[in-house]
Amino acid sequence: MHTIQVYIDETLDADDLTDLQSQLLSIPYVKNVVVNNSTPHDVLVEYEEQYVMPMDIIHTMSNRGLHPDIISG
């Protein structure tokens, strides 16, 4: 497993974070997504490295109209 931390420029409310978490978990081989209402700009995504590229995750977020940046991987 591999984990990336993503920073989102936009501030998302609890419902938006839950929706984003669900959408990211629908990507094949994404195994866990951690969101926290107290830090709504940070998202941790755990995935099977041999199948998912971090850019797939970023593209999914960008397609929602978000402006994500990978800050650690």
N, C-alpha and C. Protein backbone atom coordinates (compact mmCIF):
# COMPACT_ATOMS: atom_id res chain seq x y z
N MET A 1 0.84 -1.18 0.00
CA MET A 1 0.00 0.00 0.00
C MET A 1 0.89 1.24 0.00
N HIS A 2 0.35 2.29 -0.57
CA HIS A 2 1.03 3.56 -0.61
C HIS A 2 0.03 4.64 -0.19
N THR A 3 0.51 5.69 0.43
CA THR A 3 -0.36 6.76 0.90
C THR A 3 0.14 8.09 0.38
N ILE A 4 -0.79 8.92 -0.07
CA ILE A 4 -0.45 10.30 -0.40
C ILE A 4 -1.32 11.23 0.43
N GLN A 5 -0.75 12.39 0.74
CA GLN A 5 -1.51 13.44 1.40
C GLN A 5 -1.77 14.52 0.37
N VAL A 6 -3.04 14.91 0.27
CA VAL A 6 -3.45 15.89 -0.73
C VAL A 6 -3.99 17.12 -0.01
N TYR A 7 -3.55 18.29 -0.47
CA TYR A 7 -4.07 19.55 0.04
C TYR A 7 -5.07 20.08 -0.98
N ILE A 8 -6.26 20.48 -0.50
CA ILE A 8 -7.29 21.04 -1.36
C ILE A 8 -7.42 22.52 -1.04
N ASP A 9 -7.33 23.37 -2.06
CA ASP A 9 -7.43 24.81 -1.86
C ASP A 9 -8.78 25.22 -1.28
N GLU A 10 -9.83 24.56 -1.74
CA GLU A 10 -11.18 24.92 -1.31
C GLU A 10 -11.46 24.38 0.10
N THR A 11 -12.33 25.07 0.83
CA THR A 11 -12.78 24.59 2.12
C THR A 11 -14.08 23.83 1.91
N LEU A 12 -14.08 22.56 2.26
CA LEU A 12 -15.26 21.71 2.07
C LEU A 12 -15.97 21.51 3.40
N ASP A 13 -17.30 21.46 3.35
CA ASP A 13 -18.05 21.17 4.57
C ASP A 13 -18.12 19.65 4.76
N ALA A 14 -18.72 19.21 5.85
CA ALA A 14 -18.76 17.79 6.19
C ALA A 14 -19.41 16.96 5.09
N ASP A 15 -20.51 17.45 4.50
CA ASP A 15 -21.19 16.71 3.44
C ASP A 15 -20.30 16.58 2.20
N ASP A 16 -19.62 17.68 1.83
CA ASP A 16 -18.73 17.64 0.67
C ASP A 16 -17.56 16.69 0.90
N LEU A 17 -17.03 16.68 2.12
CA LEU A 17 -15.93 15.76 2.44
C LEU A 17 -16.38 14.31 2.36
N THR A 18 -17.57 14.04 2.83
CA THR A 18 -18.12 12.68 2.76
C THR A 18 -18.33 12.27 1.31
N ASP A 19 -18.85 13.17 0.49
CA ASP A 19 -19.05 12.88 -0.94
C ASP A 19 -17.71 12.63 -1.63
N LEU A 20 -16.71 13.46 -1.32
CA LEU A 20 -15.39 13.29 -1.91
C LEU A 20 -14.80 11.94 -1.49
N GLN A 21 -14.93 11.61 -0.22
CA GLN A 21 -14.42 10.33 0.27
C GLN A 21 -15.05 9.17 -0.49
N SER A 22 -16.35 9.21 -0.67
CA SER A 22 -17.05 8.15 -1.40
C SER A 22 -16.59 8.06 -2.84
N GLN A 23 -16.42 9.21 -3.48
CA GLN A 23 -16.00 9.21 -4.87
C GLN A 23 -14.58 8.65 -5.01
N LEU A 24 -13.68 9.03 -4.11
CA LEU A 24 -12.32 8.51 -4.18
C LEU A 24 -12.28 7.01 -3.90
N LEU A 25 -13.11 6.55 -2.99
CA LEU A 25 -13.16 5.11 -2.70
C LEU A 25 -13.74 4.30 -3.85
N SER A 26 -14.42 4.96 -4.77
CA SER A 26 -14.96 4.26 -5.93
C SER A 26 -13.90 4.01 -7.01
N ILE A 27 -12.73 4.64 -6.87
CA ILE A 27 -11.63 4.39 -7.80
C ILE A 27 -11.09 3.00 -7.50
N PRO A 28 -11.00 2.13 -8.51
CA PRO A 28 -10.46 0.78 -8.24
C PRO A 28 -9.08 0.86 -7.59
N TYR A 29 -8.86 0.03 -6.59
CA TYR A 29 -7.61 -0.13 -5.87
C TYR A 29 -7.31 0.98 -4.87
N VAL A 30 -8.21 1.97 -4.72
CA VAL A 30 -8.10 2.90 -3.60
C VAL A 30 -8.71 2.17 -2.41
N LYS A 31 -7.95 2.03 -1.34
CA LYS A 31 -8.35 1.20 -0.21
C LYS A 31 -8.88 1.99 0.97
N ASN A 32 -8.42 3.23 1.15
CA ASN A 32 -8.86 4.01 2.30
C ASN A 32 -8.70 5.49 1.98
N VAL A 33 -9.64 6.29 2.46
CA VAL A 33 -9.58 7.74 2.31
C VAL A 33 -9.92 8.32 3.68
N VAL A 34 -9.02 9.15 4.19
CA VAL A 34 -9.23 9.76 5.50
C VAL A 34 -9.47 11.25 5.30
N VAL A 35 -10.63 11.70 5.77
CA VAL A 35 -10.97 13.12 5.78
C VAL A 35 -11.29 13.49 7.22
N ASN A 36 -11.11 14.76 7.53
CA ASN A 36 -11.33 15.21 8.90
C ASN A 36 -11.97 16.59 8.84
N ASN A 37 -13.11 16.74 9.50
CA ASN A 37 -13.81 18.02 9.47
C ASN A 37 -13.00 19.15 10.09
N SER A 38 -12.07 18.82 11.00
CA SER A 38 -11.27 19.87 11.63
C SER A 38 -10.10 20.31 10.75
N THR A 39 -9.76 19.51 9.74
CA THR A 39 -8.72 19.90 8.77
C THR A 39 -9.26 19.64 7.36
N PRO A 40 -10.23 20.43 6.92
CA PRO A 40 -10.93 20.13 5.67
C PRO A 40 -10.09 20.30 4.40
N HIS A 41 -8.88 20.83 4.53
CA HIS A 41 -8.03 20.99 3.35
C HIS A 41 -7.15 19.76 3.10
N ASP A 42 -7.03 18.88 4.10
CA ASP A 42 -6.14 17.73 3.99
C ASP A 42 -6.92 16.43 3.82
N VAL A 43 -6.46 15.63 2.87
CA VAL A 43 -7.07 14.32 2.60
C VAL A 43 -5.93 13.31 2.45
N LEU A 44 -6.03 12.19 3.14
CA LEU A 44 -5.08 11.09 2.99
C LEU A 44 -5.74 9.99 2.16
N VAL A 45 -5.01 9.49 1.18
CA VAL A 45 -5.54 8.45 0.30
C VAL A 45 -4.55 7.29 0.28
N GLU A 46 -5.03 6.11 0.63
CA GLU A 46 -4.22 4.90 0.60
C GLU A 46 -4.67 4.05 -0.58
N TYR A 47 -3.70 3.58 -1.36
CA TYR A 47 -4.03 2.84 -2.57
C TYR A 47 -2.97 1.79 -2.86
N GLU A 48 -3.33 0.85 -3.71
CA GLU A 48 -2.39 -0.17 -4.16
C GLU A 48 -1.55 0.45 -5.28
N GLU A 49 -0.29 0.65 -4.96
CA GLU A 49 0.62 1.42 -5.81
C GLU A 49 0.75 0.86 -7.23
N GLN A 50 0.74 -0.45 -7.38
CA GLN A 50 0.96 -1.03 -8.70
C GLN A 50 -0.22 -0.82 -9.64
N TYR A 51 -1.37 -0.39 -9.12
CA TYR A 51 -2.56 -0.24 -9.95
C TYR A 51 -3.01 1.21 -10.15
N VAL A 52 -2.83 2.04 -9.15
CA VAL A 52 -3.34 3.41 -9.21
C VAL A 52 -2.17 4.38 -9.18
N MET A 53 -2.22 5.34 -10.07
CA MET A 53 -1.22 6.40 -10.05
C MET A 53 -1.80 7.60 -9.31
N PRO A 54 -0.98 8.32 -8.56
CA PRO A 54 -1.49 9.50 -7.85
C PRO A 54 -2.23 10.47 -8.77
N MET A 55 -1.85 10.55 -10.02
CA MET A 55 -2.52 11.49 -10.92
C MET A 55 -3.97 11.08 -11.17
N ASP A 56 -4.29 9.79 -11.09
CA ASP A 56 -5.69 9.36 -11.22
C ASP A 56 -6.52 9.96 -10.09
N ILE A 57 -5.95 9.99 -8.91
CA ILE A 57 -6.63 10.56 -7.75
C ILE A 57 -6.81 12.06 -7.93
N ILE A 58 -5.74 12.73 -8.36
CA ILE A 58 -5.80 14.18 -8.59
C ILE A 58 -6.80 14.52 -9.68
N HIS A 59 -6.84 13.75 -10.76
CA HIS A 59 -7.79 14.01 -11.84
C HIS A 59 -9.23 13.87 -11.36
N THR A 60 -9.49 12.86 -10.53
CA THR A 60 -10.84 12.68 -9.98
C THR A 60 -11.25 13.91 -9.17
N MET A 61 -10.34 14.41 -8.37
CA MET A 61 -10.63 15.59 -7.56
C MET A 61 -10.79 16.84 -8.44
N SER A 62 -9.94 16.98 -9.43
CA SER A 62 -10.03 18.13 -10.34
C SER A 62 -11.33 18.13 -11.12
N ASN A 63 -11.79 16.94 -11.50
CA ASN A 63 -13.05 16.84 -12.23
C ASN A 63 -14.25 17.28 -11.40
N ARG A 64 -14.08 17.32 -10.08
CA ARG A 64 -15.12 17.84 -9.17
C ARG A 64 -15.04 19.35 -9.04
N GLY A 65 -14.06 19.97 -9.70
CA GLY A 65 -13.89 21.41 -9.61
C GLY A 65 -12.97 21.85 -8.50
N LEU A 66 -12.27 20.88 -7.90
CA LEU A 66 -11.34 21.19 -6.80
C LEU A 66 -9.95 21.47 -7.35
N HIS A 67 -9.14 22.09 -6.53
CA HIS A 67 -7.75 22.40 -6.89
C HIS A 67 -6.82 21.70 -5.90
N PRO A 68 -6.53 20.40 -6.14
CA PRO A 68 -5.72 19.61 -5.21
C PRO A 68 -4.22 19.67 -5.57
N ASP A 69 -3.39 19.53 -4.54
CA ASP A 69 -1.95 19.40 -4.70
C ASP A 69 -1.48 18.27 -3.81
N ILE A 70 -0.60 17.42 -4.33
CA ILE A 70 0.00 16.37 -3.51
C ILE A 70 1.10 17.05 -2.67
N ILE A 71 0.98 16.90 -1.34
CA ILE A 71 2.00 17.54 -0.48
C ILE A 71 2.94 16.52 0.15
N SER A 72 2.59 15.24 0.11
CA SER A 72 3.53 14.20 0.52
C SER A 72 3.08 12.88 -0.07
N GLY A 73 4.04 12.03 -0.31
CA GLY A 73 3.70 10.75 -0.89
C GLY A 73 4.60 9.67 -0.42
